[in-house]
Amino acid sequence: MSQKWIQKFEDIGMIWKHDGNPKRPYARLTSGKISNGFVNCTHLISRPNMLHEALKDLVGPYKIPRTPFVVVGQAMGSITIASHAALILGGRSCWSVKVNNEAMQIDPRFALDASVPAIIVEDVTTSGGTTLKTKRALEHLGVPLLPYIFTVVNRSGKTHADDLEIRALVTLDIKVWDFGENPFTKDGMELVEPVRPKEHWEALRQEYA
């Protein structure tokens, strides 16, 4: 199942991995760390039929033990994913939003019932930090969580985020490092300046002689 979706995601240009060309930059992540891979889920989210099929394969095999329940995504990348997952599972959806650089809260337009459990979904799990911030926001409201999260792509190298099991459609082996610790160069330094994928997607993907 995983390999099938890896191929589909590569076909639509959603998964990028560095090919070892010394002229090609590595990706600088939002955290400031550097990586030899990046997953651009906008290529999937912009294809609703493919997204729905992917989420059926991700969440469809699981029966939620308690109803009703709410599926929680994060603004902006996981809003659509939460909606599709809720449709497939038969629940409601909502999302969390950033309130500052350190925390997230459930969008105040949603009134969550503390007796209704929540399931967190993500587009890509990199460090698990966003998931944990959303988890804390739900716990602050007294909302119980089911003990797992659903993610389209797990590139974290982890099986759990805190005490939540990561259930992924695709798991990728992608490395992440701090500046000066590049595992693919002799001295750990970058041969070219790393770039932010969202602003420089073509620089990562273009042909380099």
Protein backbone atom coordinates (compact mmCIF):
# COMPACT_ATOMS: atom_id res chain seq x y z
CA MET A 1 0.00 0.00 0.00
CA SER A 2 2.73 2.46 1.01
CA GLN A 3 4.79 1.90 -2.14
CA LYS A 4 1.72 2.39 -4.33
CA TRP A 5 1.09 5.81 -2.84
CA ILE A 6 4.75 6.78 -2.87
CA GLN A 7 4.71 6.23 -6.63
CA LYS A 8 1.47 8.20 -7.03
CA PHE A 9 2.85 11.06 -4.97
CA GLU A 10 6.10 11.09 -6.95
CA ASP A 11 4.10 11.14 -10.19
CA ILE A 12 2.31 14.35 -9.19
CA GLY A 13 5.52 16.01 -7.96
CA MET A 14 4.53 15.91 -4.30
CA ILE A 15 7.68 14.20 -3.00
CA TRP A 16 11.10 15.74 -3.56
CA LYS A 17 14.39 14.11 -2.55
CA HIS A 18 17.87 15.42 -3.20
CA ASP A 19 19.65 13.44 -5.92
CA GLY A 20 23.20 14.06 -4.70
CA ASN A 21 24.02 16.67 -7.35
CA PRO A 22 26.42 19.10 -5.61
CA LYS A 23 24.87 22.04 -7.48
CA ARG A 24 21.39 21.32 -6.13
CA PRO A 25 20.43 23.04 -2.88
CA TYR A 26 19.02 21.17 0.06
CA ALA A 27 15.72 22.23 1.61
CA ARG A 28 15.56 24.61 4.56
CA LEU A 29 12.56 23.74 6.73
CA THR A 30 10.34 26.16 8.66
CA SER A 31 12.17 25.10 11.83
CA GLY A 32 15.45 26.35 10.33
CA LYS A 33 16.84 22.85 10.01
CA ILE A 34 18.02 21.49 6.65
CA SER A 35 16.78 18.35 4.90
CA ASN A 36 17.44 16.16 1.89
CA GLY A 37 13.71 15.79 1.25
CA PHE A 38 10.45 17.69 1.25
CA VAL A 39 6.79 16.79 0.85
CA ASN A 40 4.55 19.37 -0.83
CA CYS A 41 1.02 18.24 0.02
CA THR A 42 -0.59 21.06 -1.95
CA HIS A 43 -0.16 18.79 -4.98
CA LEU A 44 -2.44 16.25 -3.29
CA ILE A 45 -4.90 18.64 -1.64
CA SER A 46 -5.52 20.35 -4.99
CA ARG A 47 -6.67 16.98 -6.39
CA PRO A 48 -9.80 16.21 -4.31
CA ASN A 49 -10.54 12.85 -5.93
CA MET A 50 -7.00 11.57 -5.28
CA LEU A 51 -7.03 13.04 -1.78
CA HIS A 52 -10.27 11.24 -0.98
CA GLU A 53 -8.91 7.93 -2.28
CA ALA A 54 -5.71 8.37 -0.27
CA LEU A 55 -7.65 9.08 2.91
CA LYS A 56 -9.93 6.09 2.35
CA ASP A 57 -6.80 3.94 2.31
CA LEU A 58 -5.44 5.76 5.38
CA VAL A 59 -8.45 5.90 7.70
CA GLY A 60 -10.90 3.50 6.06
CA PRO A 61 -9.49 0.29 7.61
CA TYR A 62 -10.03 1.64 11.14
CA LYS A 63 -13.27 1.58 13.08
CA ILE A 64 -13.53 4.43 15.56
CA PRO A 65 -14.48 2.88 18.92
CA ARG A 66 -16.51 5.85 20.16
CA THR A 67 -19.14 8.00 18.51
CA PRO A 68 -19.72 10.83 18.08
CA PHE A 69 -16.19 12.13 17.53
CA VAL A 70 -14.44 15.07 15.88
CA VAL A 71 -11.49 15.02 13.46
CA VAL A 72 -9.07 17.89 14.07
CA GLY A 73 -6.68 19.28 11.47
CA GLN A 74 -4.34 22.26 11.59
CA ALA A 75 -4.70 25.46 9.60
CA MET A 76 -3.99 25.61 6.85
CA GLY A 77 -2.47 22.40 5.55
CA SER A 78 -4.72 19.85 7.25
CA ILE A 79 -8.14 21.52 7.08
CA THR A 80 -9.18 19.74 3.89
CA ILE A 81 -7.67 16.48 5.13
CA ALA A 82 -9.72 16.68 8.34
CA SER A 83 -12.89 17.31 6.34
CA HIS A 84 -12.36 14.32 4.02
CA ALA A 85 -11.34 12.05 6.90
CA ALA A 86 -14.44 13.04 8.88
CA LEU A 87 -16.63 12.29 5.87
CA ILE A 88 -15.10 8.83 5.48
CA LEU A 89 -15.22 8.00 9.19
CA GLY A 90 -18.65 9.52 9.83
CA GLY A 91 -17.65 12.27 12.23
CA ARG A 92 -17.39 16.07 12.39
CA SER A 93 -14.29 18.13 11.68
CA CYS A 94 -12.64 21.28 12.96
CA TRP A 95 -9.16 22.75 13.05
CA SER A 96 -6.57 24.46 15.20
CA VAL A 97 -4.97 27.82 14.43
CA LYS A 98 -1.77 29.53 15.53
CA VAL A 99 -2.14 32.15 18.25
CA ASN A 100 1.58 32.95 18.47
CA ASN A 101 4.83 31.27 17.61
CA GLU A 102 4.60 28.97 20.60
CA ALA A 103 1.01 27.75 20.78
CA MET A 104 -2.11 26.78 18.89
CA GLN A 105 -5.76 26.88 19.82
CA ILE A 106 -8.92 25.33 18.45
CA ASP A 107 -10.53 27.86 16.15
CA PRO A 108 -12.94 29.66 18.54
CA ARG A 109 -15.76 29.42 15.97
CA PHE A 110 -16.05 25.75 16.95
CA ALA A 111 -17.75 24.77 20.19
CA LEU A 112 -16.32 21.41 21.21
CA ASP A 113 -18.09 19.13 23.67
CA ALA A 114 -15.73 17.79 26.33
CA SER A 115 -17.59 14.46 26.18
CA VAL A 116 -16.80 14.01 22.47
CA PRO A 117 -13.33 12.55 21.73
CA ALA A 118 -11.03 13.98 19.07
CA ILE A 119 -8.71 12.47 16.47
CA ILE A 120 -5.83 14.58 15.15
CA VAL A 121 -4.90 14.40 11.46
CA GLU A 122 -1.90 15.87 9.62
CA ASP A 123 -0.72 16.21 6.08
CA VAL A 124 2.95 15.60 6.91
CA THR A 125 4.49 14.64 10.26
CA THR A 126 8.01 16.08 10.38
CA SER A 127 8.87 16.67 14.03
CA GLY A 128 5.44 16.15 15.55
CA GLY A 129 5.57 19.63 17.06
CA THR A 130 2.35 20.89 15.47
CA THR A 131 0.53 17.75 16.55
CA LEU A 132 1.64 18.24 20.15
CA LYS A 133 0.53 21.89 20.14
CA THR A 134 -2.90 20.85 18.86
CA LYS A 135 -2.99 18.06 21.44
CA ARG A 136 -2.32 20.56 24.22
CA ALA A 137 -5.04 22.87 22.87
CA LEU A 138 -7.57 20.03 23.00
CA GLU A 139 -6.44 18.99 26.48
CA HIS A 140 -6.83 22.61 27.64
CA LEU A 141 -10.48 22.40 26.60
CA GLY A 142 -10.90 19.08 28.38
CA VAL A 143 -11.46 17.20 25.13
CA PRO A 144 -10.33 13.55 25.31
CA LEU A 145 -8.13 12.23 22.51
CA LEU A 146 -8.10 8.85 20.87
CA PRO A 147 -4.55 7.47 21.22
CA TYR A 148 -3.36 7.90 17.63
CA ILE A 149 -3.03 10.42 14.86
CA PHE A 150 -3.56 9.92 11.14
CA THR A 151 -0.98 11.43 8.80
CA VAL A 152 -0.67 11.19 5.04
CA VAL A 153 3.14 11.15 5.19
CA ASN A 154 5.31 10.35 8.19
CA ARG A 155 8.85 11.60 7.64
CA SER A 156 9.66 12.02 11.33
CA GLY A 157 11.44 8.73 11.86
CA LYS A 158 9.15 8.19 14.86
CA THR A 159 6.29 5.81 15.58
CA HIS A 160 4.70 8.06 18.20
CA ALA A 161 4.18 11.75 18.88
CA ASP A 162 4.19 11.91 22.68
CA ASP A 163 1.74 9.11 23.59
CA LEU A 164 -0.10 9.18 20.25
CA GLU A 165 0.60 6.38 17.78
CA ILE A 166 1.38 7.71 14.28
CA ARG A 167 -0.73 5.91 11.67
CA ALA A 168 0.65 6.89 8.26
CA LEU A 169 -0.29 6.18 4.67
CA VAL A 170 3.34 6.65 3.60
CA THR A 171 6.53 6.53 5.66
CA LEU A 172 9.66 8.14 4.21
CA ASP A 173 13.29 7.98 5.30
CA ILE A 174 14.33 11.63 5.06
CA LYS A 175 17.20 13.14 7.05
CA VAL A 176 17.16 16.47 8.90
CA TRP A 177 20.19 18.32 10.31
CA ASP A 178 21.42 21.62 11.68
CA PHE A 179 23.60 23.97 9.62
CA GLY A 180 27.18 22.71 9.58
CA GLU A 181 26.17 19.08 10.12
CA ASN A 182 25.31 17.98 6.58
CA PRO A 183 25.79 14.17 6.54
CA PHE A 184 26.34 14.18 2.77
CA THR A 185 29.38 16.49 2.62
CA LYS A 186 32.92 15.84 3.88
CA ASP A 187 33.06 18.78 6.28
CA GLY A 188 29.34 19.03 7.08
CA MET A 189 28.99 22.38 5.32
CA GLU A 190 26.48 23.17 2.59
CA LEU A 191 27.91 23.36 -0.93
CA VAL A 192 25.14 25.79 -1.96
CA GLU A 193 22.77 27.83 0.15
CA PRO A 194 19.71 25.79 1.27
CA VAL A 195 16.36 27.21 0.14
CA ARG A 196 12.83 27.31 1.51
CA PRO A 197 10.74 24.92 -0.62
CA LYS A 198 7.53 26.96 -0.58
CA GLU A 199 9.30 29.97 -2.09
CA HIS A 200 11.88 28.11 -4.20
CA TRP A 201 10.23 24.87 -5.32
CA GLU A 202 11.61 25.17 -8.86
CA ALA A 203 15.15 25.71 -7.56
CA LEU A 204 14.93 22.33 -5.86
CA ARG A 205 13.44 20.53 -8.86
CA GLN A 206 15.15 22.09 -11.87
CA GLU A 207 17.83 20.35 -13.94
CA TYR A 208 21.44 20.95 -12.87
CA ALA A 209 24.26 20.02 -15.24
